């Protein structure tokens, strides 16, 4: 019973991480590339600080997401390799839902990659 509760809590945390993944990815990507204030703004001397913040944000995101993801995928893998497709599909679905709720694919690509 205790292991099911731990698995359920880790799964819920993984779902939260999956839903916020596009936003976190965009935020970290823009900071690391030095475009944290947008593509039309020249950061100048603030670019080094933006890159440093990007790496710190990336480390924080990895520390918050990796343990629960590994736990969920490892426990699911013990049931069989076919069951591993379920959390992967949920992860991808939640990330796509987040992108659709924040304005769609075109707005996401325009905001993050300036395409």
PDB file of N, CA and C in Angstrom:
ATOM      1  N   UNK A   1       0.815  -1.188   0.000  1.00  0.00           N
ATOM      2  CA  UNK A   1       0.000   0.000   0.000  1.00  0.00           C
ATOM      3  C   UNK A   1       0.866   1.262   0.000  1.00  0.00           C
ATOM      4  N   UNK A   2       1.932   1.238   0.800  1.00  0.00           N
ATOM      5  CA  UNK A   2       2.809   2.393   0.887  1.00  0.00           C
ATOM      6  C   UNK A   2       3.499   2.657  -0.454  1.00  0.00           C
ATOM      7  N   UNK A   3       3.883   1.598  -1.146  1.00  0.00           N
ATOM      8  CA  UNK A   3       4.555   1.783  -2.433  1.00  0.00           C
ATOM      9  C   UNK A   3       3.598   2.323  -3.490  1.00  0.00           C
ATOM     10  N   UNK A   4       2.332   1.976  -3.395  1.00  0.00           N
ATOM     11  CA  UNK A   4       1.349   2.509  -4.351  1.00  0.00           C
ATOM     12  C   UNK A   4       1.128   4.002  -4.133  1.00  0.00           C
ATOM     13  N   UNK A   5       1.117   4.424  -2.875  1.00  0.00           N
ATOM     14  CA  UNK A   5       0.954   5.844  -2.575  1.00  0.00           C
ATOM     15  C   UNK A   5       2.171   6.622  -3.081  1.00  0.00           C
ATOM     16  N   UNK A   6       3.350   6.086  -2.855  1.00  0.00           N
ATOM     17  CA  UNK A   6       4.580   6.736  -3.338  1.00  0.00           C
ATOM     18  C   UNK A   6       4.578   6.799  -4.855  1.00  0.00           C
ATOM     19  N   UNK A   7       4.175   5.709  -5.510  1.00  0.00           N
ATOM     20  CA  UNK A   7       4.095   5.708  -6.967  1.00  0.00           C
ATOM     21  C   UNK A   7       3.076   6.724  -7.462  1.00  0.00           C
ATOM     22  N   UNK A   8       1.931   6.799  -6.813  1.00  0.00           N
ATOM     23  CA  UNK A   8       0.880   7.734  -7.221  1.00  0.00           C
ATOM     24  C   UNK A   8       1.360   9.179  -7.072  1.00  0.00           C
ATOM     25  N   UNK A   9       2.009   9.501  -5.964  1.00  0.00           N
ATOM     26  CA  UNK A   9       2.525  10.855  -5.769  1.00  0.00           C
ATOM     27  C   UNK A   9       3.606  11.201  -6.795  1.00  0.00           C
ATOM     28  N   UNK A  10       4.493  10.258  -7.072  1.00  0.00           N
ATOM     29  CA  UNK A  10       5.518  10.485  -8.089  1.00  0.00           C
ATOM     30  C   UNK A  10       4.902  10.624  -9.473  1.00  0.00           C
ATOM     31  N   UNK A  11       3.856   9.858  -9.748  1.00  0.00           N
ATOM     32  CA  UNK A  11       3.184   9.958 -11.033  1.00  0.00           C
ATOM     33  C   UNK A  11       2.503  11.313 -11.195  1.00  0.00           C
ATOM     34  N   UNK A  12       1.864  11.805 -10.124  1.00  0.00           N
ATOM     35  CA  UNK A  12       1.245  13.126 -10.177  1.00  0.00           C
ATOM     36  C   UNK A  12       2.292  14.215 -10.375  1.00  0.00           C
ATOM     37  N   UNK A  13       3.432  14.085  -9.693  1.00  0.00           N
ATOM     38  CA  UNK A  13       4.513  15.056  -9.871  1.00  0.00           C
ATOM     39  C   UNK A  13       5.052  14.993 -11.300  1.00  0.00           C
ATOM     40  N   UNK A  14       5.191  13.819 -11.840  1.00  0.00           N
ATOM     41  CA  UNK A  14       5.652  13.658 -13.217  1.00  0.00           C
ATOM     42  C   UNK A  14       4.649  14.273 -14.191  1.00  0.00           C
ATOM     43  N   UNK A  15       3.360  14.133 -13.919  1.00  0.00           N
ATOM     44  CA  UNK A  15       2.349  14.763 -14.780  1.00  0.00           C
ATOM     45  C   UNK A  15       2.461  16.282 -14.725  1.00  0.00           C
ATOM     46  N   UNK A  16       2.713  16.826 -13.546  1.00  0.00           N
ATOM     47  CA  UNK A  16       2.911  18.267 -13.430  1.00  0.00           C
ATOM     48  C   UNK A  16       4.145  18.736 -14.178  1.00  0.00           C
ATOM     49  N   UNK A  17       5.202  17.971 -14.090  1.00  0.00           N
ATOM     50  CA  UNK A  17       6.433  18.278 -14.813  1.00  0.00           C
ATOM     51  C   UNK A  17       6.190  18.182 -16.320  1.00  0.00           C
ATOM     52  N   UNK A  18       5.447  17.168 -16.735  1.00  0.00           N
ATOM     53  CA  UNK A  18       5.160  17.002 -18.167  1.00  0.00           C
ATOM     54  C   UNK A  18       4.331  18.162 -18.694  1.00  0.00           C
ATOM     55  N   UNK A  19       3.361  18.621 -17.911  1.00  0.00           N
ATOM     56  CA  UNK A  19       2.518  19.729 -18.351  1.00  0.00           C
ATOM     57  C   UNK A  19       3.314  21.028 -18.443  1.00  0.00           C
ATOM     58  N   UNK A  20       4.245  21.224 -17.526  1.00  0.00           N
ATOM     59  CA  UNK A  20       5.024  22.468 -17.525  1.00  0.00           C
ATOM     60  C   UNK A  20       6.281  22.386 -18.381  1.00  0.00           C
ATOM     61  N   UNK A  21       6.556  21.239 -18.980  1.00  0.00           N
ATOM     62  CA  UNK A  21       7.783  21.069 -19.760  1.00  0.00           C
ATOM     63  C   UNK A  21       7.937  22.075 -20.892  1.00  0.00           C
ATOM     64  N   UNK A  22       6.926  22.333 -21.725  1.00  0.00           N
ATOM     65  CA  UNK A  22       7.131  23.302 -22.804  1.00  0.00           C
ATOM     66  C   UNK A  22       7.458  24.708 -22.302  1.00  0.00           C
ATOM     67  N   UNK A  23       6.832  25.108 -21.215  1.00  0.00           N
ATOM     68  CA  UNK A  23       7.098  26.433 -20.655  1.00  0.00           C
ATOM     69  C   UNK A  23       8.517  26.492 -20.094  1.00  0.00           C
ATOM     70  N   UNK A  24       8.900  25.477 -19.329  1.00  0.00           N
ATOM     71  CA  UNK A  24      10.252  25.444 -18.753  1.00  0.00           C
ATOM     72  C   UNK A  24      11.309  25.351 -19.843  1.00  0.00           C
ATOM     73  N   UNK A  25      11.046  24.538 -20.862  1.00  0.00           N
ATOM     74  CA  UNK A  25      11.998  24.421 -21.963  1.00  0.00           C
ATOM     75  C   UNK A  25      12.189  25.758 -22.660  1.00  0.00           C
ATOM     76  N   UNK A  26      11.089  26.446 -22.927  1.00  0.00           N
ATOM     77  CA  UNK A  26      11.173  27.745 -23.583  1.00  0.00           C
ATOM     78  C   UNK A  26      11.921  28.761 -22.738  1.00  0.00           C
ATOM     79  N   UNK A  27      11.642  28.764 -21.454  1.00  0.00           N
ATOM     80  CA  UNK A  27      12.280  29.711 -20.552  1.00  0.00           C
ATOM     81  C   UNK A  27      13.786  29.465 -20.492  1.00  0.00           C
ATOM     82  N   UNK A  28      14.180  28.221 -20.297  1.00  0.00           N
ATOM     83  CA  UNK A  28      15.603  27.884 -20.217  1.00  0.00           C
ATOM     84  C   UNK A  28      16.292  28.126 -21.554  1.00  0.00           C
ATOM     85  N   UNK A  29      15.645  27.749 -22.646  1.00  0.00           N
ATOM     86  CA  UNK A  29      16.237  27.937 -23.975  1.00  0.00           C
ATOM     87  C   UNK A  29      16.493  29.410 -24.262  1.00  0.00           C
ATOM     88  N   UNK A  30      15.512  30.253 -23.962  1.00  0.00           N
ATOM     89  CA  UNK A  30      15.685  31.682 -24.215  1.00  0.00           C
ATOM     90  C   UNK A  30      16.769  32.282 -23.325  1.00  0.00           C
ATOM     91  N   UNK A  31      16.870  31.820 -22.089  1.00  0.00           N
ATOM     92  CA  UNK A  31      17.927  32.332 -21.217  1.00  0.00           C
ATOM     93  C   UNK A  31      19.313  31.877 -21.668  1.00  0.00           C
ATOM     94  N   UNK A  32      19.446  30.616 -22.027  1.00  0.00           N
ATOM     95  CA  UNK A  32      20.764  30.105 -22.421  1.00  0.00           C
ATOM     96  C   UNK A  32      21.226  30.723 -23.736  1.00  0.00           C
ATOM     97  N   UNK A  33      20.313  30.979 -24.639  1.00  0.00           N
ATOM     98  CA  UNK A  33      20.703  31.575 -25.917  1.00  0.00           C
ATOM     99  C   UNK A  33      20.847  33.089 -25.839  1.00  0.00           C
ATOM    100  N   UNK A  34      20.498  33.679 -24.690  1.00  0.00           N
ATOM    101  CA  UNK A  34      20.668  35.109 -24.523  1.00  0.00           C
ATOM    102  C   UNK A  34      19.537  35.935 -25.065  1.00  0.00           C
ATOM    103  N   UNK A  35      18.370  35.343 -25.241  1.00  0.00           N
ATOM    104  CA  UNK A  35      17.197  36.059 -25.749  1.00  0.00           C
ATOM    105  C   UNK A  35      16.105  36.118 -24.684  1.00  0.00           C
ATOM    106  N   UNK A  36      16.478  36.297 -23.440  1.00  0.00           N
ATOM    107  CA  UNK A  36      15.498  36.223 -22.363  1.00  0.00           C
ATOM    108  C   UNK A  36      14.481  37.357 -22.393  1.00  0.00           C
ATOM    109  N   UNK A  37      14.794  38.467 -23.045  1.00  0.00           N
ATOM    110  CA  UNK A  37      13.834  39.572 -23.137  1.00  0.00           C
ATOM    111  C   UNK A  37      13.223  39.673 -24.520  1.00  0.00           C
ATOM    112  N   UNK A  38      13.394  38.661 -25.336  1.00  0.00           N
ATOM    113  CA  UNK A  38      12.828  38.665 -26.679  1.00  0.00           C
ATOM    114  C   UNK A  38      13.914  38.813 -27.731  1.00  0.00           C
ATOM    115  N   UNK A  39      13.540  38.550 -28.961  1.00  0.00           N
ATOM    116  CA  UNK A  39      14.516  38.564 -30.040  1.00  0.00           C
ATOM    117  C   UNK A  39      14.803  39.976 -30.552  1.00  0.00           C
ATOM    118  N   UNK A  40      13.934  40.931 -30.276  1.00  0.00           N
ATOM    119  CA  UNK A  40      14.155  42.283 -30.791  1.00  0.00           C
ATOM    120  C   UNK A  40      14.957  43.143 -29.829  1.00  0.00           C
ATOM    121  N   UNK A  41      15.309  42.607 -28.672  1.00  0.00           N
ATOM    122  CA  UNK A  41      16.002  43.379 -27.661  1.00  0.00           C
ATOM    123  C   UNK A  41      17.446  42.898 -27.559  1.00  0.00           C
ATOM    124  N   UNK A  42      18.394  43.810 -27.524  1.00  0.00           N
ATOM    125  CA  UNK A  42      19.807  43.471 -27.396  1.00  0.00           C
ATOM    126  C   UNK A  42      20.192  43.530 -25.923  1.00  0.00           C
ATOM    127  N   UNK A  43      20.563  42.390 -25.346  1.00  0.00           N
ATOM    128  CA  UNK A  43      20.896  42.351 -23.930  1.00  0.00           C
ATOM    129  C   UNK A  43      22.239  43.023 -23.625  1.00  0.00           C
ATOM    130  N   UNK A  44      23.175  42.966 -24.546  1.00  0.00           N
ATOM    131  CA  UNK A  44      24.479  43.576 -24.323  1.00  0.00           C
ATOM    132  C   UNK A  44      25.218  42.908 -23.185  1.00  0.00           C
ATOM    133  N   UNK A  45      25.538  43.690 -22.154  1.00  0.00           N
ATOM    134  CA  UNK A  45      26.318  43.161 -21.034  1.00  0.00           C
ATOM    135  C   UNK A  45      25.508  42.220 -20.151  1.00  0.00           C
ATOM    136  N   UNK A  46      24.195  42.235 -20.263  1.00  0.00           N
ATOM    137  CA  UNK A  46      23.347  41.352 -19.461  1.00  0.00           C
ATOM    138  C   UNK A  46      23.285  39.929 -20.015  1.00  0.00           C
ATOM    139  N   UNK A  47      23.882  39.707 -21.172  1.00  0.00           N
ATOM    140  CA  UNK A  47      23.808  38.396 -21.817  1.00  0.00           C
ATOM    141  C   UNK A  47      24.480  37.318 -20.968  1.00  0.00           C
ATOM    142  N   UNK A  48      25.617  37.635 -20.353  1.00  0.00           N
ATOM    143  CA  UNK A  48      26.315  36.654 -19.513  1.00  0.00           C
ATOM    144  C   UNK A  48      25.463  36.256 -18.310  1.00  0.00           C
ATOM    145  N   UNK A  49      24.779  37.216 -17.729  1.00  0.00           N
ATOM    146  CA  UNK A  49      23.917  36.928 -16.585  1.00  0.00           C
ATOM    147  C   UNK A  49      22.741  36.070 -17.025  1.00  0.00           C
ATOM    148  N   UNK A  50      22.187  36.364 -18.194  1.00  0.00           N
ATOM    149  CA  UNK A  50      21.075  35.581 -18.721  1.00  0.00           C
ATOM    150  C   UNK A  50      21.491  34.131 -18.959  1.00  0.00           C
ATOM    151  N   UNK A  51      22.667  33.933 -19.502  1.00  0.00           N
ATOM    152  CA  UNK A  51      23.153  32.574 -19.756  1.00  0.00           C
ATOM    153  C   UNK A  51      23.382  31.836 -18.440  1.00  0.00           C
ATOM    154  N   UNK A  52      23.943  32.529 -17.449  1.00  0.00           N
ATOM    155  CA  UNK A  52      24.169  31.905 -16.144  1.00  0.00           C
ATOM    156  C   UNK A  52      22.837  31.505 -15.504  1.00  0.00           C
ATOM    157  N   UNK A  53      21.836  32.394 -15.567  1.00  0.00           N
ATOM    158  CA  UNK A  53      20.520  32.055 -15.044  1.00  0.00           C
ATOM    159  C   UNK A  53      19.919  30.867 -15.789  1.00  0.00           C
ATOM    160  N   UNK A  54      20.155  30.795 -17.089  1.00  0.00           N
ATOM    161  CA  UNK A  54      19.650  29.671 -17.871  1.00  0.00           C
ATOM    162  C   UNK A  54      20.209  28.341 -17.402  1.00  0.00           C
ATOM    163  N   UNK A  55      21.505  28.302 -17.126  1.00  0.00           N
ATOM    164  CA  UNK A  55      22.102  27.059 -16.644  1.00  0.00           C
ATOM    165  C   UNK A  55      21.625  26.713 -15.240  1.00  0.00           C
ATOM    166  N   UNK A  56      21.443  27.730 -14.400  1.00  0.00           N
ATOM    167  CA  UNK A  56      20.917  27.467 -13.055  1.00  0.00           C
ATOM    168  C   UNK A  56      19.485  26.948 -13.142  1.00  0.00           C
ATOM    169  N   UNK A  57      18.674  27.546 -14.002  1.00  0.00           N
ATOM    170  CA  UNK A  57      17.297  27.074 -14.186  1.00  0.00           C
ATOM    171  C   UNK A  57      17.268  25.651 -14.730  1.00  0.00           C
ATOM    172  N   UNK A  58      18.181  25.337 -15.640  1.00  0.00           N
ATOM    173  CA  UNK A  58      18.250  23.982 -16.183  1.00  0.00           C
ATOM    174  C   UNK A  58      18.601  22.978 -15.092  1.00  0.00           C
ATOM    175  N   UNK A  59      19.556  23.304 -14.250  1.00  0.00           N
ATOM    176  CA  UNK A  59      19.924  22.405 -13.155  1.00  0.00           C
ATOM    177  C   UNK A  59      18.768  22.221 -12.178  1.00  0.00           C
ATOM    178  N   UNK A  60      18.073  23.301 -11.851  1.00  0.00           N
ATOM    179  CA  UNK A  60      16.922  23.196 -10.951  1.00  0.00           C
ATOM    180  C   UNK A  60      15.837  22.322 -11.566  1.00  0.00           C
ATOM    181  N   UNK A  61      15.576  22.511 -12.866  1.00  0.00           N
ATOM    182  CA  UNK A  61      14.544  21.707 -13.516  1.00  0.00           C
ATOM    183  C   UNK A  61      14.931  20.230 -13.535  1.00  0.00           C
ATOM    184  N   UNK A  62      16.194  19.943 -13.790  1.00  0.00           N
ATOM    185  CA  UNK A  62      16.650  18.552 -13.812  1.00  0.00           C
ATOM    186  C   UNK A  62      16.516  17.931 -12.432  1.00  0.00           C
ATOM    187  N   UNK A  63      16.907  18.665 -11.392  1.00  0.00           N
ATOM    188  CA  UNK A  63      16.817  18.138 -10.026  1.00  0.00           C
ATOM    189  C   UNK A  63      15.364  17.895  -9.632  1.00  0.00           C
ATOM    190  N   UNK A  64      14.455  18.740 -10.088  1.00  0.00           N
ATOM    191  CA  UNK A  64      13.042  18.561  -9.729  1.00  0.00           C
ATOM    192  C   UNK A  64      12.335  17.489 -10.552  1.00  0.00           C
ATOM    193  N   UNK A  65      12.784  17.264 -11.773  1.00  0.00           N
ATOM    194  CA  UNK A  65      12.050  16.341 -12.638  1.00  0.00           C
ATOM    195  C   UNK A  65      12.670  14.955 -12.753  1.00  0.00           C
ATOM    196  N   UNK A  66      13.945  14.845 -12.745  1.00  0.00           N
ATOM    197  CA  UNK A  66      14.602  13.573 -13.038  1.00  0.00           C
ATOM    198  C   UNK A  66      14.291  12.463 -12.026  1.00  0.00           C
ATOM    199  N   UNK A  67      14.363  12.708 -10.706  1.00  0.00           N
ATOM    200  CA  UNK A  67      14.097  11.586  -9.784  1.00  0.00           C
ATOM    201  C   UNK A  67      12.697  10.987  -9.926  1.00  0.00           C
ATOM    202  N   UNK A  68      11.685  11.824 -10.032  1.00  0.00           N
ATOM    203  CA  UNK A  68      10.325  11.277 -10.141  1.00  0.00           C
ATOM    204  C   UNK A  68      10.112  10.589 -11.483  1.00  0.00           C
ATOM    205  N   UNK A  69      10.676  11.159 -12.557  1.00  0.00           N
ATOM    206  CA  UNK A  69      10.561  10.508 -13.861  1.00  0.00           C
ATOM    207  C   UNK A  69      11.231   9.146 -13.860  1.00  0.00           C
ATOM    208  N   UNK A  70      12.423   9.070 -13.314  1.00  0.00           N
ATOM    209  CA  UNK A  70      13.130   7.787 -13.259  1.00  0.00           C
ATOM    210  C   UNK A  70      12.362   6.776 -12.412  1.00  0.00           C
ATOM    211  N   UNK A  71      11.814   7.218 -11.289  1.00  0.00           N
ATOM    212  CA  UNK A  71      11.064   6.315 -10.416  1.00  0.00           C
ATOM    213  C   UNK A  71       9.835   5.757 -11.125  1.00  0.00           C
ATOM    214  N   UNK A  72       9.077   6.647 -11.764  1.00  0.00           N
ATOM    215  CA  UNK A  72       7.857   6.206 -12.445  1.00  0.00           C
ATOM    216  C   UNK A  72       8.191   5.268 -13.598  1.00  0.00           C
ATOM    217  N   UNK A  73       9.167   5.638 -14.409  1.00  0.00           N
ATOM    218  CA  UNK A  73       9.514   4.789 -15.555  1.00  0.00           C
ATOM    219  C   UNK A  73      10.125   3.461 -15.111  1.00  0.00           C
ATOM    220  N   UNK A  74      10.911   3.472 -14.036  1.00  0.00           N
ATOM    221  CA  UNK A  74      11.509   2.230 -13.547  1.00  0.00           C
ATOM    222  C   UNK A  74      10.441   1.294 -12.991  1.00  0.00           C
ATOM    223  N   UNK A  75       9.520   1.822 -12.187  1.00  0.00           N
ATOM    224  CA  UNK A  75       8.461   0.982 -11.627  1.00  0.00           C
ATOM    225  C   UNK A  75       7.521   0.461 -12.710  1.00  0.00           C
ATOM    226  N   UNK A  76       7.259   1.288 -13.716  1.00  0.00           N
ATOM    227  CA  UNK A  76       6.386   0.853 -14.808  1.00  0.00           C
ATOM    228  C   UNK A  76       7.086  -0.188 -15.668  1.00  0.00           C
ATOM    229  N   UNK A  77       8.388  -0.049 -15.830  1.00  0.00           N
ATOM    230  CA  UNK A  77       9.157  -0.995 -16.643  1.00  0.00           C
ATOM    231  C   UNK A  77       9.129  -2.405 -16.032  1.00  0.00           C
ATOM    232  N   UNK A  78       9.017  -2.485 -14.705  1.00  0.00           N
ATOM    233  CA  UNK A  78       8.964  -3.792 -14.042  1.00  0.00           C
ATOM    234  C   UNK A  78       7.703  -4.571 -14.416  1.00  0.00           C
ATOM    235  N   UNK A  79       6.642  -3.860 -14.785  1.00  0.00           N
ATOM    236  CA  UNK A  79       5.404  -4.530 -15.184  1.00  0.00           C
ATOM    237  C   UNK A  79       5.480  -5.063 -16.607  1.00  0.00           C
ATOM    238  N   UNK A  80       6.378  -4.521 -17.396  1.00  0.00           N
ATOM    239  CA  UNK A  80       6.532  -4.942 -18.780  1.00  0.00           C
ATOM    240  C   UNK A  80       6.865  -3.758 -19.667  1.00  0.00           C
ATOM    241  N   UNK A  81       7.550  -4.055 -20.741  1.00  0.00           N
ATOM    242  CA  UNK A  81       7.974  -2.979 -21.630  1.00  0.00           C
ATOM    243  C   UNK A  81       6.806  -2.306 -22.336  1.00  0.00           C
ATOM    244  N   UNK A  82       5.743  -3.040 -22.553  1.00  0.00           N
ATOM    245  CA  UNK A  82       4.578  -2.460 -23.213  1.00  0.00           C
ATOM    246  C   UNK A  82       3.893  -1.422 -22.324  1.00  0.00           C
ATOM    247  N   UNK A  83       3.907  -1.649 -21.007  1.00  0.00           N
ATOM    248  CA  UNK A  83       3.312  -0.697 -20.075  1.00  0.00           C
ATOM    249  C   UNK A  83       4.080   0.620 -20.026  1.00  0.00           C
ATOM    250  N   UNK A  84       5.313   0.618 -20.454  1.00  0.00           N
ATOM    251  CA  UNK A  84       6.129   1.832 -20.449  1.00  0.00           C
ATOM    252  C   UNK A  84       5.595   2.870 -21.435  1.00  0.00           C
ATOM    253  N   UNK A  85       4.857   2.410 -22.428  1.00  0.00           N
ATOM    254  CA  UNK A  85       4.281   3.341 -23.402  1.00  0.00           C
ATOM    255  C   UNK A  85       3.182   4.221 -22.785  1.00  0.00           C
ATOM    256  N   UNK A  86       2.560   3.756 -21.725  1.00  0.00           N
ATOM    257  CA  UNK A  86       1.479   4.514 -21.097  1.00  0.00           C
ATOM    258  C   UNK A  86       1.998   5.821 -20.480  1.00  0.00           C
ATOM    259  N   UNK A  87       3.028   5.794 -19.598  1.00  0.00           N
ATOM    260  CA  UNK A  87       3.499   7.079 -19.062  1.00  0.00           C
ATOM    261  C   UNK A  87       4.142   7.968 -20.120  1.00  0.00           C
ATOM    262  N   UNK A  88       4.763   7.373 -21.128  1.00  0.00           N
ATOM    263  CA  UNK A  88       5.354   8.175 -22.201  1.00  0.00           C
ATOM    264  C   UNK A  88       4.257   8.883 -22.982  1.00  0.00           C
ATOM    265  N   UNK A  89       3.172   8.162 -23.276  1.00  0.00           N
ATOM    266  CA  UNK A  89       2.052   8.774 -24.004  1.00  0.00           C
ATOM    267  C   UNK A  89       1.390   9.872 -23.172  1.00  0.00           C
ATOM    268  N   UNK A  90       1.259   9.654 -21.881  1.00  0.00           N
ATOM    269  CA  UNK A  90       0.675  10.679 -21.009  1.00  0.00           C
ATOM    270  C   UNK A  90       1.586  11.902 -20.938  1.00  0.00           C
ATOM    271  N   UNK A  91       2.890  11.679 -20.862  1.00  0.00           N
ATOM    272  CA  UNK A  91       3.864  12.774 -20.815  1.00  0.00           C
ATOM    273  C   UNK A  91       3.766  13.639 -22.075  1.00  0.00           C
ATOM    274  N   UNK A  92       3.756  12.988 -23.225  1.00  0.00           N
ATOM    275  CA  UNK A  92       3.679  13.716 -24.496  1.00  0.00           C
ATOM    276  C   UNK A  92       2.329  14.421 -24.631  1.00  0.00           C
ATOM    277  N   UNK A  93       1.252  13.759 -24.237  1.00  0.00           N
ATOM    278  CA  UNK A  93      -0.081  14.345 -24.334  1.00  0.00           C
ATOM    279  C   UNK A  93      -0.203  15.592 -23.462  1.00  0.00           C
ATOM    280  N   UNK A  94       0.305  15.536 -22.249  1.00  0.00           N
ATOM    281  CA  UNK A  94       0.240  16.700 -21.367  1.00  0.00           C
ATOM    282  C   UNK A  94       1.084  17.857 -21.895  1.00  0.00           C
ATOM    283  N   UNK A  95       2.239  17.558 -22.468  1.00  0.00           N
ATOM    284  CA  UNK A  95       3.064  18.617 -23.057  1.00  0.00           C
ATOM    285  C   UNK A  95       2.347  19.266 -24.238  1.00  0.00           C
ATOM    286  N   UNK A  96       1.689  18.464 -25.062  1.00  0.00           N
ATOM    287  CA  UNK A  96       0.944  19.003 -26.211  1.00  0.00           C
ATOM    288  C   UNK A  96      -0.249  19.834 -25.736  1.00  0.00           C
ATOM    289  N   UNK A  97      -0.934  19.383 -24.687  1.00  0.00           N
ATOM    290  CA  UNK A  97      -2.054  20.152 -24.143  1.00  0.00           C
ATOM    291  C   UNK A  97      -1.572  21.510 -23.641  1.00  0.00           C
ATOM    292  N   UNK A  98      -0.413  21.536 -22.989  1.00  0.00           N
ATOM    293  CA  UNK A  98       0.139  22.802 -22.502  1.00  0.00           C
ATOM    294  C   UNK A  98       0.431  23.749 -23.660  1.00  0.00           C
ATOM    295  N   UNK A  99       1.005  23.228 -24.732  1.00  0.00           N
ATOM    296  CA  UNK A  99       1.301  24.070 -25.895  1.00  0.00           C
ATOM    297  C   UNK A  99       0.015  24.595 -26.511  1.00  0.00           C
ATOM    298  N   UNK A 100      -0.994  23.740 -26.612  1.00  0.00           N
ATOM    299  CA  UNK A 100      -2.274  24.182 -27.189  1.00  0.00           C
ATOM    300  C   UNK A 100      -2.965  25.225 -26.323  1.00  0.00           C
ATOM    301  N   UNK A 101      -2.854  25.103 -25.004  1.00  0.00           N
ATOM    302  CA  UNK A 101      -3.487  26.069 -24.111  1.00  0.00           C
ATOM    303  C   UNK A 101      -2.765  27.414 -24.073  1.00  0.00           C
ATOM    304  N   UNK A 102      -1.498  27.421 -24.401  1.00  0.00           N
ATOM    305  CA  UNK A 102      -0.736  28.673 -24.362  1.00  0.00           C
ATOM    306  C   UNK A 102      -0.738  29.407 -25.690  1.00  0.00           C
ATOM    307  N   UNK A 103      -1.550  28.989 -26.634  1.00  0.00           N
ATOM    308  CA  UNK A 103      -1.665  29.727 -27.887  1.00  0.00           C
ATOM    309  C   UNK A 103      -1.474  28.903 -29.131  1.00  0.00           C
ATOM    310  N   UNK A 104      -1.149  27.657 -28.998  1.00  0.00           N
ATOM    311  CA  UNK A 104      -0.985  26.800 -30.166  1.00  0.00           C
ATOM    312  C   UNK A 104       0.465  26.693 -30.615  1.00  0.00           C
ATOM    313  N   UNK A 105       0.644  25.849 -31.625  1.00  0.00           N
ATOM    314  CA  UNK A 105       1.991  25.554 -32.106  1.00  0.00           C
ATOM    315  C   UNK A 105       2.669  26.771 -32.726  1.00  0.00           C
ATOM    316  N   UNK A 106       1.921  27.526 -33.512  1.00  0.00           N
ATOM    317  CA  UNK A 106       2.530  28.670 -34.191  1.00  0.00           C
ATOM    318  C   UNK A 106       2.982  29.724 -33.187  1.00  0.00           C
ATOM    319  N   UNK A 107       2.176  29.994 -32.168  1.00  0.00           N
ATOM    320  CA  UNK A 107       2.564  30.970 -31.147  1.00  0.00           C
ATOM    321  C   UNK A 107       3.757  30.467 -30.339  1.00  0.00           C
ATOM    322  N   UNK A 108       3.785  29.172 -30.072  1.00  0.00           N
ATOM    323  CA  UNK A 108       4.898  28.600 -29.310  1.00  0.00           C
ATOM    324  C   UNK A 108       6.207  28.711 -30.100  1.00  0.00           C
ATOM    325  N   UNK A 109       6.165  28.307 -31.373  1.00  0.00           N
ATOM    326  CA  UNK A 109       7.377  28.391 -32.191  1.00  0.00           C
ATOM    327  C   UNK A 109       7.804  29.834 -32.435  1.00  0.00           C
ATOM    328  N   UNK A 110       6.845  30.727 -32.552  1.00  0.00           N
ATOM    329  CA  UNK A 110       7.169  32.141 -32.747  1.00  0.00           C
ATOM    330  C   UNK A 110       7.805  32.718 -31.483  1.00  0.00           C
ATOM    331  N   UNK A 111       7.280  32.378 -30.349  1.00  0.00           N
ATOM    332  CA  UNK A 111       7.795  32.909 -29.081  1.00  0.00           C
ATOM    333  C   UNK A 111       9.130  32.345 -28.688  1.00  0.00           C
ATOM    334  N   UNK A 112       9.330  31.077 -28.928  1.00  0.00           N
ATOM    335  CA  UNK A 112      10.545  30.416 -28.466  1.00  0.00           C
ATOM    336  C   UNK A 112      11.651  30.471 -29.530  1.00  0.00           C
ATOM    337  N   UNK A 113      11.343  30.074 -30.738  1.00  0.00           N
ATOM    338  CA  UNK A 113      12.364  29.946 -31.766  1.00  0.00           C
ATOM    339  C   UNK A 113      12.355  31.079 -32.791  1.00  0.00           C
ATOM    340  N   UNK A 114      11.404  32.020 -32.659  1.00  0.00           N
ATOM    341  CA  UNK A 114      11.271  33.157 -33.571  1.00  0.00           C
ATOM    342  C   UNK A 114      11.086  32.693 -35.014  1.00  0.00           C
ATOM    343  N   UNK A 115      10.284  31.661 -35.193  1.00  0.00           N
ATOM    344  CA  UNK A 115      10.016  31.127 -36.545  1.00  0.00           C
ATOM    345  C   UNK A 115       8.709  31.705 -37.059  1.00  0.00           C
TER     346      UNK A 115
END
